[in-house]
Each structure stands twice: as structure tokens, then as C-alpha cells.
C-alpha atoms as a PDB file:
ATOM      1  CA  MET A   1     121.029 119.935  89.725  1.00  0.00           C
ATOM      2  CA  LEU A   2     117.730 118.900  91.299  1.00  0.00           C
ATOM      3  CA  CYS A   3     118.604 115.208  90.826  1.00  0.00           C
ATOM      4  CA  THR A   4     121.937 115.744  92.522  1.00  0.00           C
ATOM      5  CA  LEU A   5     120.314 117.400  95.543  1.00  0.00           C
ATOM      6  CA  ALA A   6     117.702 114.646  95.724  1.00  0.00           C
ATOM      7  CA  SER A   7     120.336 111.906  95.587  1.00  0.00           C
ATOM      8  CA  ILE A   8     122.398 113.681  98.266  1.00  0.00           C
ATOM      9  CA  ALA A   9     119.277 113.959 100.443  1.00  0.00           C
ATOM     10  CA  VAL A  10     118.485 110.263 100.002  1.00  0.00           C
ATOM     11  CA  PHE A  11     122.095 109.269 100.664  1.00  0.00           C
ATOM     12  CA  THR A  12     122.238 111.445 103.792  1.00  0.00           C
ATOM     13  CA  SER A  13     118.946 110.006 105.072  1.00  0.00           C
ATOM     14  CA  VAL A  14     120.160 106.427 104.550  1.00  0.00           C
ATOM     15  CA  TRP A  15     123.480 107.251 106.213  1.00  0.00           C
ATOM     16  CA  ALA A  16     121.699 108.869 109.201  1.00  0.00           C
ATOM     17  CA  LEU A  17     119.411 105.845 109.520  1.00  0.00           C
ATOM     18  CA  GLN A  18     122.409 103.482 109.485  1.00  0.00           C
ATOM     19  CA  LYS A  19     124.172 105.516 112.162  1.00  0.00           C
ATOM     20  CA  THR A  20     121.020 105.612 114.279  1.00  0.00           C
ATOM     21  CA  CYS A  21     120.705 101.825 114.033  1.00  0.00           C
ATOM     22  CA  MET A  22     124.387 101.448 114.942  1.00  0.00           C
ATOM     23  CA  VAL A  23     124.001 103.698 117.991  1.00  0.00           C
ATOM     24  CA  THR A  24     120.906 101.776 119.098  1.00  0.00           C
ATOM     25  CA  LYS A  25     122.718  98.457 118.711  1.00  0.00           C
ATOM     26  CA  LEU A  26     125.749  99.695 120.660  1.00  0.00           C
ATOM     27  CA  SER A  27     123.557 101.143 123.410  1.00  0.00           C
ATOM     28  CA  THR A  28     121.766  97.825 123.750  1.00  0.00           C
ATOM     29  CA  GLU A  29     125.089  95.960 123.962  1.00  0.00           C
ATOM     30  CA  ILE A  30     126.389  98.385 126.588  1.00  0.00           C
ATOM     31  CA  THR A  31     123.246  97.969 128.663  1.00  0.00           C
ATOM     32  CA  SER A  32     123.326  94.170 128.460  1.00  0.00           C
ATOM     33  CA  ASN A  33     127.034  94.101 129.324  1.00  0.00           C
ATOM     34  CA  THR A  34     126.433  96.398 132.291  1.00  0.00           C
ATOM     35  CA  ILE A  35     123.649  94.165 133.598  1.00  0.00           C
ATOM     36  CA  LYS A  36     125.794  91.056 133.053  1.00  0.00           C
ATOM     37  CA  HIS A  37     128.745  92.681 134.813  1.00  0.00           C
ATOM     38  CA  LYS A  38     126.571  93.700 137.783  1.00  0.00           C
ATOM     39  CA  LYS A  39     125.264  90.135 138.117  1.00  0.00           C
ATOM     40  CA  GLU A  40     128.793  88.716 137.965  1.00  0.00           C
ATOM     41  CA  THR A  41     129.990  91.272 140.521  1.00  0.00           C
ATOM     42  CA  LYS A  42     127.121  90.461 142.894  1.00  0.00           C
ATOM     43  CA  LYS A  43     127.824  86.749 142.520  1.00  0.00           C
ATOM     44  CA  PHE A  44     131.536  87.287 143.196  1.00  0.00           C
ATOM     45  CA  ILE A  45     130.840  89.447 146.258  1.00  0.00           C
ATOM     46  CA  ALA A  46     128.357  86.884 147.597  1.00  0.00           C
ATOM     47  CA  LYS A  47     130.984  84.165 147.148  1.00  0.00           C
ATOM     48  CA  ILE A  48     133.588  86.190 149.063  1.00  0.00           C
ATOM     49  CA  LYS A  49     131.096  86.955 151.851  1.00  0.00           C
ATOM     50  CA  SER A  50     130.090  83.311 152.171  1.00  0.00           C
ATOM     51  CA  LYS A  51     133.744  82.259 152.417  1.00  0.00           C
ATOM     52  CA  ALA A  52     134.347  84.849 155.134  1.00  0.00           C
ATOM     53  CA  ARG A  53     131.203  83.723 156.990  1.00  0.00           C
ATOM     54  CA  LEU A  54     132.326  80.105 156.789  1.00  0.00           C
ATOM     55  CA  LYS A  55     135.763  81.025 158.157  1.00  0.00           C
ATOM     56  CA  ARG A  56     134.169  82.886 161.074  1.00  0.00           C
ATOM     57  CA  ILE A  57     131.898  79.927 161.841  1.00  0.00           C
ATOM     58  CA  ILE A  58     134.759  77.432 161.654  1.00  0.00           C
ATOM     59  CA  THR A  59     136.923  79.512 163.979  1.00  0.00           C
ATOM     60  CA  MET A  60     134.002  79.977 166.402  1.00  0.00           C
ATOM     61  CA  LEU A  61     132.960  76.329 166.540  1.00  0.00           C
ATOM     62  CA  PRO A  62     135.964  74.976 168.437  1.00  0.00           C
ATOM     63  CA  PHE A  63     135.638  77.748 171.012  1.00  0.00           C
ATOM     64  CA  ALA A  64     131.866  77.286 171.316  1.00  0.00           C
ATOM     65  CA  GLY A  65     132.327  73.517 171.478  1.00  0.00           C
ATOM     66  CA  ALA A  66     134.917  73.831 174.234  1.00  0.00           C
ATOM     67  CA  VAL A  67     132.695  76.182 176.236  1.00  0.00           C
ATOM     68  CA  ALA A  68     129.680  73.890 175.798  1.00  0.00           C
ATOM     69  CA  GLY A  69     131.780  70.862 176.805  1.00  0.00           C
ATOM     70  CA  ILE A  70     132.974  72.587 179.980  1.00  0.00           C
ATOM     71  CA  TYR A  71     129.412  73.669 180.796  1.00  0.00           C
ATOM     72  CA  PHE A  72     128.010  70.150 180.364  1.00  0.00           C
ATOM     73  CA  LYS A  73     130.897  68.602 182.292  1.00  0.00           C
ATOM     74  CA  GLU A  74     130.329  71.029 185.182  1.00  0.00           C
ATOM     75  CA  ASN A  75     126.584  70.276 185.248  1.00  0.00           C
ATOM     76  CA  ASN A  76     127.327  66.540 185.189  1.00  0.00           C
ATOM     77  CA  TYR A  77     129.763  66.968 188.090  1.00  0.00           C
ATOM     78  CA  LYS A  78     127.176  68.946 190.108  1.00  0.00           C
ATOM     79  CA  ASP A  79     124.600  66.195 189.548  1.00  0.00           C
ATOM     80  CA  TRP A  80     127.134  63.572 190.617  1.00  0.00           C
ATOM     81  CA  LEU A  81     128.108  65.653 193.670  1.00  0.00           C
ATOM     82  CA  GLN A  82     124.477  65.740 194.839  1.00  0.00           C
ATOM     83  CA  GLY A  83     124.442  61.937 194.842  1.00  0.00           C
ATOM     84  CA  ASN A  84     127.955  61.681 196.391  1.00  0.00           C
ATOM     85  CA  PRO A  85     128.361  64.547 198.884  1.00  0.00           C
ATOM     86  CA  SER A  86     131.748  63.322 200.108  1.00  0.00           C
ATOM     87  CA  GLY A  87     133.196  63.164 196.570  1.00  0.00           C
ATOM     88  CA  THR A  88     135.986  65.431 195.409  1.00  0.00           C
ATOM     89  CA  LYS A  89     136.711  67.044 192.092  1.00  0.00           C
ATOM     90  CA  SER A  90     139.933  65.414 191.023  1.00  0.00           C
END
């Protein structure tokens, strides 16, 4: 009877140790997967934000370029008008 109880105690201890190791391993995998997923999510979000930023810049550039062109043309005309007071803007 004593041998049976001892063997059950040893078996239960080994079983508990195996389950503890399994839980530790699974916890480690969950943590590493969570960290990996967060990194992938951040990378994906950064990619989406950079695409949106690029689209905003591309749509702004033609407008900004047109405004800058008009500004420089007007300044050039004013300089020319100072040298040619009888000139007209045609």
C-alpha cells in the first residue's frame, strides 16, 4: 500500500511538472506572437499612413506649383513694368 501511494505521488509530481512546463512554453509562445503581431500591425499602419501622406503631398504639389508659378510670374511682370512704364499686361 505504501509503495502504491509513493508511486502515485511520484507520478502526480511528474505529471504536474510536465503540465507546468507546457503552460510555460505556451505562455512564452503567446507572448512572442503578441509582440510579433504588434510589430506587424505597427508596420502596416505606418505603411498606410505613409501612402496617405504621399497622396496628400502629390495632390498639393500641383496646386502649390501653380500658385508659386503665378506669384513668380507676377513679380517678373512688376519688375518688367518698372523698366517699361508704358507696357501693358497682355
